[in-house]
C-alpha atoms as a PDB file:
ATOM      1  CA  MET A   1     -38.211 -26.093 -41.589  1.00  0.00           C
ATOM      2  CA  ALA A   2     -39.917 -25.505 -38.183  1.00  0.00           C
ATOM      3  CA  GLU A   3     -40.115 -22.106 -36.640  1.00  0.00           C
ATOM      4  CA  LEU A   4     -39.241 -21.777 -33.128  1.00  0.00           C
ATOM      5  CA  ALA A   5     -41.967 -19.946 -31.115  1.00  0.00           C
ATOM      6  CA  ILE A   6     -40.784 -18.303 -27.918  1.00  0.00           C
ATOM      7  CA  SER A   7     -43.438 -16.292 -26.118  1.00  0.00           C
ATOM      8  CA  GLY A   8     -42.804 -12.689 -24.777  1.00  0.00           C
ATOM      9  CA  LYS A   9     -42.650 -14.027 -21.318  1.00  0.00           C
ATOM     10  CA  ASP A  10     -40.003 -16.691 -22.178  1.00  0.00           C
ATOM     11  CA  LEU A  11     -38.050 -14.121 -23.721  1.00  0.00           C
ATOM     12  CA  GLN A  12     -38.067 -12.040 -20.892  1.00  0.00           C
ATOM     13  CA  ASN A  13     -37.061 -14.814 -18.663  1.00  0.00           C
ATOM     14  CA  MET A  14     -34.221 -15.783 -20.721  1.00  0.00           C
ATOM     15  CA  MET A  15     -33.015 -12.215 -21.110  1.00  0.00           C
ATOM     16  CA  ALA A  16     -33.072 -11.854 -17.168  1.00  0.00           C
ATOM     17  CA  GLU A  17     -30.929 -14.821 -16.933  1.00  0.00           C
ATOM     18  CA  LEU A  18     -28.672 -13.589 -19.306  1.00  0.00           C
ATOM     19  CA  ILE A  19     -28.347 -10.494 -17.595  1.00  0.00           C
ATOM     20  CA  THR A  20     -27.916 -12.029 -13.998  1.00  0.00           C
ATOM     21  CA  TYR A  21     -25.270 -14.511 -15.484  1.00  0.00           C
ATOM     22  CA  THR A  22     -23.310 -11.521 -17.162  1.00  0.00           C
ATOM     23  CA  VAL A  23     -23.528  -9.336 -14.089  1.00  0.00           C
ATOM     24  CA  THR A  24     -22.446 -12.200 -11.897  1.00  0.00           C
ATOM     25  CA  GLN A  25     -19.303 -12.884 -14.275  1.00  0.00           C
ATOM     26  CA  MET A  26     -18.397  -9.249 -14.252  1.00  0.00           C
ATOM     27  CA  ALA A  27     -18.702  -9.198 -10.451  1.00  0.00           C
ATOM     28  CA  ILE A  28     -16.348 -12.072 -10.195  1.00  0.00           C
ATOM     29  CA  VAL A  29     -13.878 -10.645 -12.279  1.00  0.00           C
ATOM     30  CA  THR A  30     -13.858  -7.270 -10.762  1.00  0.00           C
ATOM     31  CA  THR A  31     -13.366  -8.893  -7.283  1.00  0.00           C
ATOM     32  CA  GLU A  32     -10.563 -11.043  -8.516  1.00  0.00           C
ATOM     33  CA  GLU A  33      -8.947  -7.669 -10.085  1.00  0.00           C
ATOM     34  CA  ILE A  34      -9.480  -5.956  -6.847  1.00  0.00           C
ATOM     35  CA  ALA A  35      -8.004  -8.682  -4.723  1.00  0.00           C
ATOM     36  CA  ALA A  36      -4.787  -8.871  -6.965  1.00  0.00           C
ATOM     37  CA  ARG A  37      -4.364  -5.079  -6.884  1.00  0.00           C
ATOM     38  CA  LEU A  38      -4.735  -5.052  -3.128  1.00  0.00           C
ATOM     39  CA  GLU A  39      -2.289  -7.955  -2.609  1.00  0.00           C
ATOM     40  CA  LYS A  40       0.295  -6.083  -4.361  1.00  0.00           C
ATOM     41  CA  HIS A  41      -0.035  -3.130  -2.004  1.00  0.00           C
ATOM     42  CA  PHE A  42      -0.608  -5.135   1.208  1.00  0.00           C
ATOM     43  CA  VAL A  43       2.527  -7.056   1.875  1.00  0.00           C
ATOM     44  CA  VAL A  44       3.491  -8.017   5.567  1.00  0.00           C
ATOM     45  CA  GLU A  45       6.817  -6.757   6.232  1.00  0.00           C
ATOM     46  CA  PRO A  46       9.279  -8.779   8.500  1.00  0.00           C
ATOM     47  CA  THR A  47       9.332  -7.139  11.936  1.00  0.00           C
ATOM     48  CA  LEU A  48      11.481  -7.628  15.062  1.00  0.00           C
ATOM     49  CA  THR A  49      10.464  -7.453  18.638  1.00  0.00           C
ATOM     50  CA  LEU A  50      12.170  -4.852  20.836  1.00  0.00           C
ATOM     51  CA  ALA A  51      14.789  -7.253  21.999  1.00  0.00           C
ATOM     52  CA  GLU A  52      15.714  -8.349  18.318  1.00  0.00           C
ATOM     53  CA  ALA A  53      15.723  -4.728  17.217  1.00  0.00           C
ATOM     54  CA  ALA A  54      17.938  -3.833  20.382  1.00  0.00           C
ATOM     55  CA  GLU A  55      20.374  -6.418  19.707  1.00  0.00           C
ATOM     56  CA  GLN A  56      20.566  -5.493  16.065  1.00  0.00           C
ATOM     57  CA  LEU A  57      21.534  -2.087  17.082  1.00  0.00           C
ATOM     58  CA  GLY A  58      23.545  -2.946  20.198  1.00  0.00           C
ATOM     59  CA  LEU A  59      21.285  -1.346  22.416  1.00  0.00           C
ATOM     60  CA  SER A  60      19.478  -2.231  25.764  1.00  0.00           C
ATOM     61  CA  VAL A  61      15.795  -3.207  25.432  1.00  0.00           C
ATOM     62  CA  GLN A  62      15.002  -0.142  27.595  1.00  0.00           C
ATOM     63  CA  SER A  63      17.013   2.183  25.233  1.00  0.00           C
ATOM     64  CA  MET A  64      15.175   0.510  22.298  1.00  0.00           C
ATOM     65  CA  ARG A  65      11.889   1.168  23.984  1.00  0.00           C
ATOM     66  CA  ALA A  66      12.707   4.852  24.602  1.00  0.00           C
ATOM     67  CA  LEU A  67      13.690   5.329  20.914  1.00  0.00           C
ATOM     68  CA  CYS A  68      10.213   3.996  19.983  1.00  0.00           C
ATOM     69  CA  ARG A  69       8.356   5.950  22.653  1.00  0.00           C
ATOM     70  CA  GLU A  70      10.121   9.058  21.480  1.00  0.00           C
ATOM     71  CA  LYS A  71       9.173   8.160  17.767  1.00  0.00           C
ATOM     72  CA  ARG A  72      12.804   8.324  16.930  1.00  0.00           C
ATOM     73  CA  ILE A  73      12.395   4.820  15.278  1.00  0.00           C
ATOM     74  CA  PRO A  74       8.824   4.070  14.130  1.00  0.00           C
ATOM     75  CA  ALA A  75       7.165   1.205  15.806  1.00  0.00           C
ATOM     76  CA  ILE A  76       3.963  -0.744  15.670  1.00  0.00           C
ATOM     77  CA  ARG A  77       2.270  -0.909  19.023  1.00  0.00           C
ATOM     78  CA  LEU A  78       0.432  -4.400  19.702  1.00  0.00           C
ATOM     79  CA  GLU A  79      -1.099  -4.142  23.040  1.00  0.00           C
ATOM     80  CA  LYS A  80       1.756  -3.851  25.391  1.00  0.00           C
ATOM     81  CA  SER A  81       4.562  -4.871  22.907  1.00  0.00           C
ATOM     82  CA  TYR A  82       6.425  -3.168  20.009  1.00  0.00           C
ATOM     83  CA  ARG A  83       7.200  -4.401  16.689  1.00  0.00           C
ATOM     84  CA  ILE A  84       9.837  -2.549  14.472  1.00  0.00           C
ATOM     85  CA  ARG A  85      10.180  -3.112  10.841  1.00  0.00           C
ATOM     86  CA  VAL A  86      13.409  -4.140   9.502  1.00  0.00           C
ATOM     87  CA  ILE A  87      13.323  -1.362   6.977  1.00  0.00           C
ATOM     88  CA  ASP A  88      12.707   1.386   9.784  1.00  0.00           C
ATOM     89  CA  ILE A  89      16.102   0.027  11.713  1.00  0.00           C
ATOM     90  CA  ASN A  90      17.909   0.204   8.293  1.00  0.00           C
ATOM     91  CA  ARG A  91      16.690   3.856   7.837  1.00  0.00           C
ATOM     92  CA  PHE A  92      17.552   4.782  11.346  1.00  0.00           C
ATOM     93  CA  LEU A  93      21.190   3.524  10.789  1.00  0.00           C
ATOM     94  CA  GLU A  94      21.571   5.179   7.632  1.00  0.00           C
ATOM     95  CA  LYS A  95      20.481   8.332   8.918  1.00  0.00           C
ATOM     96  CA  HIS A  96      22.659   8.231  11.853  1.00  0.00           C
ATOM     97  CA  MET A  97      25.585   7.164   9.668  1.00  0.00           C
ATOM     98  CA  GLN A  98      25.094  10.093   7.561  1.00  0.00           C
ATOM     99  CA  ALA A  99      25.098  12.427  10.630  1.00  0.00           C
ATOM    100  CA  THR A 100      28.450  11.179  11.870  1.00  0.00           C
ATOM    101  CA  GLU A 101      30.279  11.259   8.509  1.00  0.00           C
END
């Protein structure tokens, strides 16, 4: 039976390659896991323009803008326009329905 002769330098190179490969694979798996976790937490929610939100609530655009400016309805400000999440419109309605009951 023939003996396998590996020099110390060859063994070091093989170990270095194995370590590099293992670390790379671990980094790929970790990155994919992090991306999957982030994806669960950052979902783009449907939003409405001021005009759309005002129509849903039966208000004028000016009244809707005032509600957003006064922070009575949470809104996302994008440059000169507002975007209102549908969930915030629903919460506003629920809050005001409870107040009138």
